């Protein structure tokens, strides 16, 4: 997608400091962090939101989940716990319409989230 900021990040048109990257996935710290640990995990393939995930994308989503597990350990939030958020469409709070996971941790999470 031409105007998608996450597609531009995936294509290295907008620089970020990846904390994880492979041929399908990139993870980096959120510039508007809501917790001491706030990482975005995105597929390099443009998928607009969770509802647009196709059956062919199933392995990609599983791999994204594996990255969440790995980063939770590496970033020190696996023992105390963390929150994984996938906002979907406008009413779900999605502001960038490219599928992404928010990994939040390092503090107690309250409920309801907002």
N, C-alpha and C. Protein backbone atom coordinates (compact mmCIF):
# COMPACT_ATOMS: atom_id res chain seq x y z
N UNK A 1 0.84 -1.19 0.00
CA UNK A 1 0.00 0.00 0.00
C UNK A 1 0.88 1.24 0.00
N UNK A 2 0.55 2.15 -0.83
CA UNK A 2 1.39 3.32 -1.07
C UNK A 2 1.51 4.24 0.14
N UNK A 3 0.42 4.51 0.84
CA UNK A 3 0.47 5.46 1.95
C UNK A 3 0.54 4.81 3.32
N UNK A 4 0.77 3.52 3.39
CA UNK A 4 0.78 2.80 4.66
C UNK A 4 2.15 2.97 5.33
N UNK A 5 2.15 3.57 6.52
CA UNK A 5 3.40 3.81 7.23
C UNK A 5 4.11 2.50 7.58
N UNK A 6 3.35 1.45 7.92
CA UNK A 6 4.00 0.18 8.26
C UNK A 6 4.57 -0.51 7.02
N UNK A 7 3.94 -0.34 5.88
CA UNK A 7 4.53 -0.87 4.64
C UNK A 7 5.83 -0.15 4.34
N UNK A 8 5.87 1.16 4.59
CA UNK A 8 7.10 1.93 4.37
C UNK A 8 8.20 1.50 5.34
N UNK A 9 7.83 1.19 6.57
CA UNK A 9 8.80 0.67 7.55
C UNK A 9 9.31 -0.69 7.08
N UNK A 10 8.40 -1.55 6.66
CA UNK A 10 8.79 -2.89 6.19
C UNK A 10 9.71 -2.82 4.98
N UNK A 11 9.50 -1.82 4.12
CA UNK A 11 10.32 -1.65 2.92
C UNK A 11 11.58 -0.82 3.20
N UNK A 12 11.81 -0.47 4.46
CA UNK A 12 12.96 0.33 4.90
C UNK A 12 12.97 1.73 4.29
N UNK A 13 11.80 2.24 3.91
CA UNK A 13 11.69 3.61 3.44
C UNK A 13 11.62 4.58 4.62
N UNK A 14 11.14 4.09 5.75
CA UNK A 14 11.14 4.84 7.00
C UNK A 14 11.99 4.04 7.96
N UNK A 15 13.06 4.63 8.48
CA UNK A 15 13.95 3.85 9.34
C UNK A 15 13.38 3.64 10.75
N UNK A 16 13.58 2.45 11.25
CA UNK A 16 13.30 2.12 12.66
C UNK A 16 14.46 1.28 13.15
N UNK A 17 14.56 1.15 14.45
CA UNK A 17 15.55 0.27 15.04
C UNK A 17 14.86 -1.04 15.37
N UNK A 18 14.96 -2.03 14.51
CA UNK A 18 14.26 -3.29 14.78
C UNK A 18 14.85 -3.98 16.01
N UNK A 19 13.95 -4.56 16.80
CA UNK A 19 14.42 -5.42 17.88
C UNK A 19 14.27 -6.88 17.48
N UNK A 20 13.56 -7.09 16.36
CA UNK A 20 13.48 -8.40 15.72
C UNK A 20 13.15 -8.15 14.26
N UNK A 21 13.76 -8.94 13.38
CA UNK A 21 13.41 -8.86 11.97
C UNK A 21 13.79 -10.15 11.28
N UNK A 22 12.91 -10.60 10.40
CA UNK A 22 13.21 -11.70 9.48
C UNK A 22 12.56 -11.36 8.15
N UNK A 23 12.46 -12.30 7.25
CA UNK A 23 11.96 -12.00 5.91
C UNK A 23 10.46 -11.70 5.86
N UNK A 24 9.71 -12.01 6.95
CA UNK A 24 8.26 -11.79 6.95
C UNK A 24 7.77 -10.84 8.03
N UNK A 25 8.57 -10.59 9.06
CA UNK A 25 8.10 -9.89 10.26
C UNK A 25 9.16 -8.90 10.70
N UNK A 26 8.70 -7.76 11.23
CA UNK A 26 9.60 -6.81 11.86
C UNK A 26 8.94 -6.34 13.17
N UNK A 27 9.74 -6.16 14.20
CA UNK A 27 9.26 -5.67 15.49
C UNK A 27 10.14 -4.51 15.92
N UNK A 28 9.50 -3.50 16.49
CA UNK A 28 10.22 -2.30 16.92
C UNK A 28 9.43 -1.63 18.04
N UNK A 29 10.10 -0.76 18.77
CA UNK A 29 9.45 -0.07 19.89
C UNK A 29 8.46 0.98 19.37
N UNK A 30 7.32 1.08 20.05
CA UNK A 30 6.31 2.07 19.69
C UNK A 30 6.81 3.46 20.09
N UNK A 31 6.71 4.44 19.19
CA UNK A 31 7.18 5.79 19.52
C UNK A 31 6.24 6.50 20.49
N UNK A 32 5.04 5.97 20.67
CA UNK A 32 4.08 6.52 21.63
C UNK A 32 3.81 5.46 22.71
N UNK A 33 4.86 5.05 23.38
CA UNK A 33 4.78 3.93 24.33
C UNK A 33 3.77 4.19 25.44
N UNK A 34 2.98 3.15 25.72
CA UNK A 34 1.97 3.20 26.78
C UNK A 34 2.37 2.37 27.99
N UNK A 35 3.57 1.81 27.95
CA UNK A 35 4.09 0.99 29.04
C UNK A 35 5.62 0.98 28.89
N UNK A 36 6.34 0.60 29.95
CA UNK A 36 7.79 0.53 29.83
C UNK A 36 8.26 -0.34 28.67
N UNK A 37 7.53 -1.42 28.39
CA UNK A 37 7.77 -2.23 27.21
C UNK A 37 6.54 -2.07 26.32
N UNK A 38 6.75 -1.51 25.15
CA UNK A 38 5.65 -1.37 24.17
C UNK A 38 6.27 -1.56 22.80
N UNK A 39 6.04 -2.75 22.26
CA UNK A 39 6.63 -3.15 20.99
C UNK A 39 5.53 -3.42 19.99
N UNK A 40 5.76 -3.03 18.75
CA UNK A 40 4.85 -3.35 17.66
C UNK A 40 5.46 -4.48 16.86
N UNK A 41 4.67 -5.50 16.58
CA UNK A 41 5.09 -6.62 15.75
C UNK A 41 4.21 -6.59 14.51
N UNK A 42 4.82 -6.44 13.33
CA UNK A 42 4.03 -6.30 12.11
C UNK A 42 4.50 -7.30 11.06
N UNK A 43 3.56 -7.76 10.23
CA UNK A 43 3.98 -8.54 9.07
C UNK A 43 4.47 -7.57 8.00
N UNK A 44 5.46 -7.99 7.24
CA UNK A 44 5.91 -7.15 6.13
C UNK A 44 4.89 -7.12 5.01
N UNK A 45 4.10 -8.17 4.90
CA UNK A 45 3.01 -8.22 3.94
C UNK A 45 1.88 -7.32 4.44
N UNK A 46 1.31 -6.54 3.55
CA UNK A 46 0.19 -5.68 3.97
C UNK A 46 -1.07 -6.53 4.14
N UNK A 47 -1.54 -6.54 5.37
CA UNK A 47 -2.84 -7.12 5.73
C UNK A 47 -3.54 -6.02 6.51
N UNK A 48 -4.68 -5.57 6.06
CA UNK A 48 -5.31 -4.38 6.65
C UNK A 48 -5.66 -4.54 8.13
N UNK A 49 -6.19 -5.70 8.50
CA UNK A 49 -6.59 -5.91 9.90
C UNK A 49 -6.81 -7.40 10.12
N UNK A 50 -7.16 -7.74 11.33
CA UNK A 50 -7.32 -9.15 11.70
C UNK A 50 -8.38 -9.86 10.86
N UNK A 51 -9.39 -9.14 10.44
CA UNK A 51 -10.45 -9.73 9.63
C UNK A 51 -10.01 -10.04 8.20
N UNK A 52 -8.90 -9.47 7.79
CA UNK A 52 -8.39 -9.68 6.43
C UNK A 52 -7.36 -10.81 6.36
N UNK A 53 -7.10 -11.46 7.47
CA UNK A 53 -6.15 -12.58 7.48
C UNK A 53 -6.78 -13.73 6.72
N UNK A 54 -6.07 -14.23 5.71
CA UNK A 54 -6.58 -15.35 4.92
C UNK A 54 -6.02 -16.66 5.46
N UNK A 55 -6.58 -17.74 4.98
CA UNK A 55 -6.09 -19.05 5.39
C UNK A 55 -4.61 -19.21 5.02
N UNK A 56 -4.22 -18.62 3.90
CA UNK A 56 -2.82 -18.68 3.47
C UNK A 56 -1.90 -17.94 4.44
N UNK A 57 -2.46 -17.01 5.21
CA UNK A 57 -1.67 -16.22 6.17
C UNK A 57 -1.55 -16.90 7.53
N UNK A 58 -2.15 -18.06 7.70
CA UNK A 58 -2.19 -18.72 9.01
C UNK A 58 -0.79 -18.95 9.59
N UNK A 59 0.12 -19.42 8.77
CA UNK A 59 1.48 -19.66 9.27
C UNK A 59 2.18 -18.36 9.64
N UNK A 60 1.91 -17.30 8.90
CA UNK A 60 2.49 -16.00 9.23
C UNK A 60 2.00 -15.53 10.59
N UNK A 61 0.72 -15.67 10.86
CA UNK A 61 0.17 -15.26 12.15
C UNK A 61 0.76 -16.11 13.27
N UNK A 62 0.93 -17.39 13.03
CA UNK A 62 1.56 -18.26 14.02
C UNK A 62 3.00 -17.82 14.28
N UNK A 63 3.70 -17.45 13.23
CA UNK A 63 5.08 -16.98 13.39
C UNK A 63 5.12 -15.66 14.17
N UNK A 64 4.14 -14.79 13.93
CA UNK A 64 4.06 -13.54 14.71
C UNK A 64 3.87 -13.86 16.18
N UNK A 65 3.04 -14.84 16.48
CA UNK A 65 2.83 -15.27 17.86
C UNK A 65 4.14 -15.78 18.46
N UNK A 66 4.91 -16.54 17.69
CA UNK A 66 6.21 -17.02 18.17
C UNK A 66 7.15 -15.86 18.47
N UNK A 67 7.09 -14.80 17.66
CA UNK A 67 7.91 -13.62 17.92
C UNK A 67 7.48 -12.95 19.22
N UNK A 68 6.17 -12.90 19.48
CA UNK A 68 5.67 -12.35 20.75
C UNK A 68 6.29 -13.12 21.92
N UNK A 69 6.23 -14.45 21.85
CA UNK A 69 6.78 -15.27 22.93
C UNK A 69 8.27 -14.98 23.12
N UNK A 70 9.01 -14.96 22.04
CA UNK A 70 10.45 -14.72 22.10
C UNK A 70 10.76 -13.34 22.71
N UNK A 71 10.06 -12.31 22.22
CA UNK A 71 10.33 -10.96 22.71
C UNK A 71 9.90 -10.79 24.17
N UNK A 72 8.82 -11.43 24.57
CA UNK A 72 8.40 -11.35 25.98
C UNK A 72 9.51 -11.85 26.89
N UNK A 73 10.17 -12.92 26.50
CA UNK A 73 11.28 -13.44 27.28
C UNK A 73 12.47 -12.48 27.22
N UNK A 74 12.85 -12.10 26.00
CA UNK A 74 14.02 -11.24 25.81
C UNK A 74 13.88 -9.88 26.49
N UNK A 75 12.65 -9.35 26.53
CA UNK A 75 12.42 -8.02 27.11
C UNK A 75 12.04 -8.09 28.59
N UNK A 76 12.03 -9.28 29.16
CA UNK A 76 11.85 -9.44 30.60
C UNK A 76 10.44 -9.30 31.12
N UNK A 77 9.44 -9.55 30.27
CA UNK A 77 8.06 -9.43 30.75
C UNK A 77 7.33 -10.76 30.81
N UNK A 78 8.00 -11.84 30.47
CA UNK A 78 7.33 -13.14 30.43
C UNK A 78 6.97 -13.66 31.82
N UNK A 79 7.77 -13.37 32.81
CA UNK A 79 7.51 -13.90 34.16
C UNK A 79 6.35 -13.18 34.86
N UNK A 80 6.33 -11.86 34.80
CA UNK A 80 5.30 -11.08 35.49
C UNK A 80 4.02 -10.96 34.66
N UNK A 81 4.14 -11.08 33.36
CA UNK A 81 2.99 -11.00 32.48
C UNK A 81 3.03 -9.78 31.59
N UNK A 82 2.19 -9.81 30.58
CA UNK A 82 2.13 -8.74 29.59
C UNK A 82 0.76 -8.75 28.95
N UNK A 83 0.51 -7.77 28.14
CA UNK A 83 -0.74 -7.70 27.39
C UNK A 83 -0.41 -7.70 25.91
N UNK A 84 -1.18 -8.46 25.13
CA UNK A 84 -1.06 -8.47 23.68
C UNK A 84 -2.36 -7.88 23.13
N UNK A 85 -2.24 -6.83 22.33
CA UNK A 85 -3.42 -6.13 21.81
C UNK A 85 -3.38 -6.15 20.29
N UNK A 86 -4.53 -6.46 19.70
CA UNK A 86 -4.71 -6.37 18.25
C UNK A 86 -5.96 -5.53 18.02
N UNK A 87 -5.79 -4.26 17.77
CA UNK A 87 -6.92 -3.38 17.48
C UNK A 87 -7.40 -3.65 16.06
N UNK A 88 -8.72 -3.67 15.88
CA UNK A 88 -9.28 -3.98 14.57
C UNK A 88 -10.33 -2.94 14.18
N UNK A 89 -10.08 -2.25 13.11
CA UNK A 89 -10.94 -1.20 12.54
C UNK A 89 -11.08 -0.02 13.50
N UNK A 90 -11.81 1.00 13.05
CA UNK A 90 -11.86 2.26 13.78
C UNK A 90 -12.42 2.13 15.20
N UNK A 91 -13.56 1.47 15.36
CA UNK A 91 -14.15 1.35 16.70
C UNK A 91 -13.32 0.47 17.62
N UNK A 92 -12.45 -0.34 17.06
CA UNK A 92 -11.53 -1.15 17.85
C UNK A 92 -10.26 -0.41 18.22
N UNK A 93 -10.13 0.83 17.77
CA UNK A 93 -8.97 1.64 18.11
C UNK A 93 -7.82 1.52 17.13
N UNK A 94 -8.03 0.91 15.97
CA UNK A 94 -6.96 0.77 15.00
C UNK A 94 -6.74 2.09 14.29
N UNK A 95 -5.53 2.65 14.43
CA UNK A 95 -5.22 3.93 13.79
C UNK A 95 -4.33 3.76 12.57
N UNK A 96 -3.58 2.68 12.50
CA UNK A 96 -2.81 2.34 11.30
C UNK A 96 -3.44 1.07 10.74
N UNK A 97 -3.93 1.16 9.53
CA UNK A 97 -4.68 0.05 8.95
C UNK A 97 -3.75 -0.93 8.23
N UNK A 98 -2.90 -1.50 9.04
CA UNK A 98 -1.97 -2.57 8.68
C UNK A 98 -1.90 -3.42 9.95
N UNK A 99 -2.22 -4.69 9.84
CA UNK A 99 -2.25 -5.57 11.00
C UNK A 99 -0.98 -5.40 11.83
N UNK A 100 -1.15 -5.27 13.13
CA UNK A 100 0.00 -5.21 14.04
C UNK A 100 -0.42 -5.63 15.44
N UNK A 101 0.53 -6.23 16.12
CA UNK A 101 0.34 -6.63 17.52
C UNK A 101 1.06 -5.62 18.39
N UNK A 102 0.40 -5.22 19.49
CA UNK A 102 1.05 -4.42 20.51
C UNK A 102 1.42 -5.37 21.65
N UNK A 103 2.69 -5.44 21.99
CA UNK A 103 3.16 -6.18 23.16
C UNK A 103 3.47 -5.15 24.22
N UNK A 104 2.68 -5.15 25.31
CA UNK A 104 2.83 -4.18 26.39
C UNK A 104 3.16 -4.89 27.69
N UNK A 105 4.12 -4.37 28.41
CA UNK A 105 4.47 -4.97 29.69
C UNK A 105 5.37 -4.05 30.51
N UNK A 106 5.78 -4.55 31.65
CA UNK A 106 6.64 -3.78 32.52
C UNK A 106 5.89 -2.96 33.56
N UNK A 107 4.58 -3.09 33.58
CA UNK A 107 3.75 -2.43 34.59
C UNK A 107 2.46 -3.22 34.73
N UNK A 108 1.72 -2.97 35.81
CA UNK A 108 0.43 -3.62 36.01
C UNK A 108 -0.58 -3.04 35.03
N UNK A 109 -1.29 -3.88 34.34
CA UNK A 109 -2.30 -3.45 33.38
C UNK A 109 -3.66 -3.42 34.07
N UNK A 110 -4.40 -2.35 33.88
CA UNK A 110 -5.72 -2.23 34.49
C UNK A 110 -6.78 -2.69 33.50
N UNK A 111 -8.00 -2.86 34.01
CA UNK A 111 -9.13 -3.24 33.20
C UNK A 111 -10.33 -2.46 33.62
N UNK A 112 -11.18 -1.96 32.78
CA UNK A 112 -11.10 -2.08 31.32
C UNK A 112 -10.01 -1.18 30.75
N UNK A 113 -9.50 -1.54 29.56
CA UNK A 113 -8.38 -0.81 29.00
C UNK A 113 -8.73 0.57 28.49
N UNK A 114 -10.00 0.83 28.13
CA UNK A 114 -10.35 2.19 27.71
C UNK A 114 -11.26 2.22 26.52
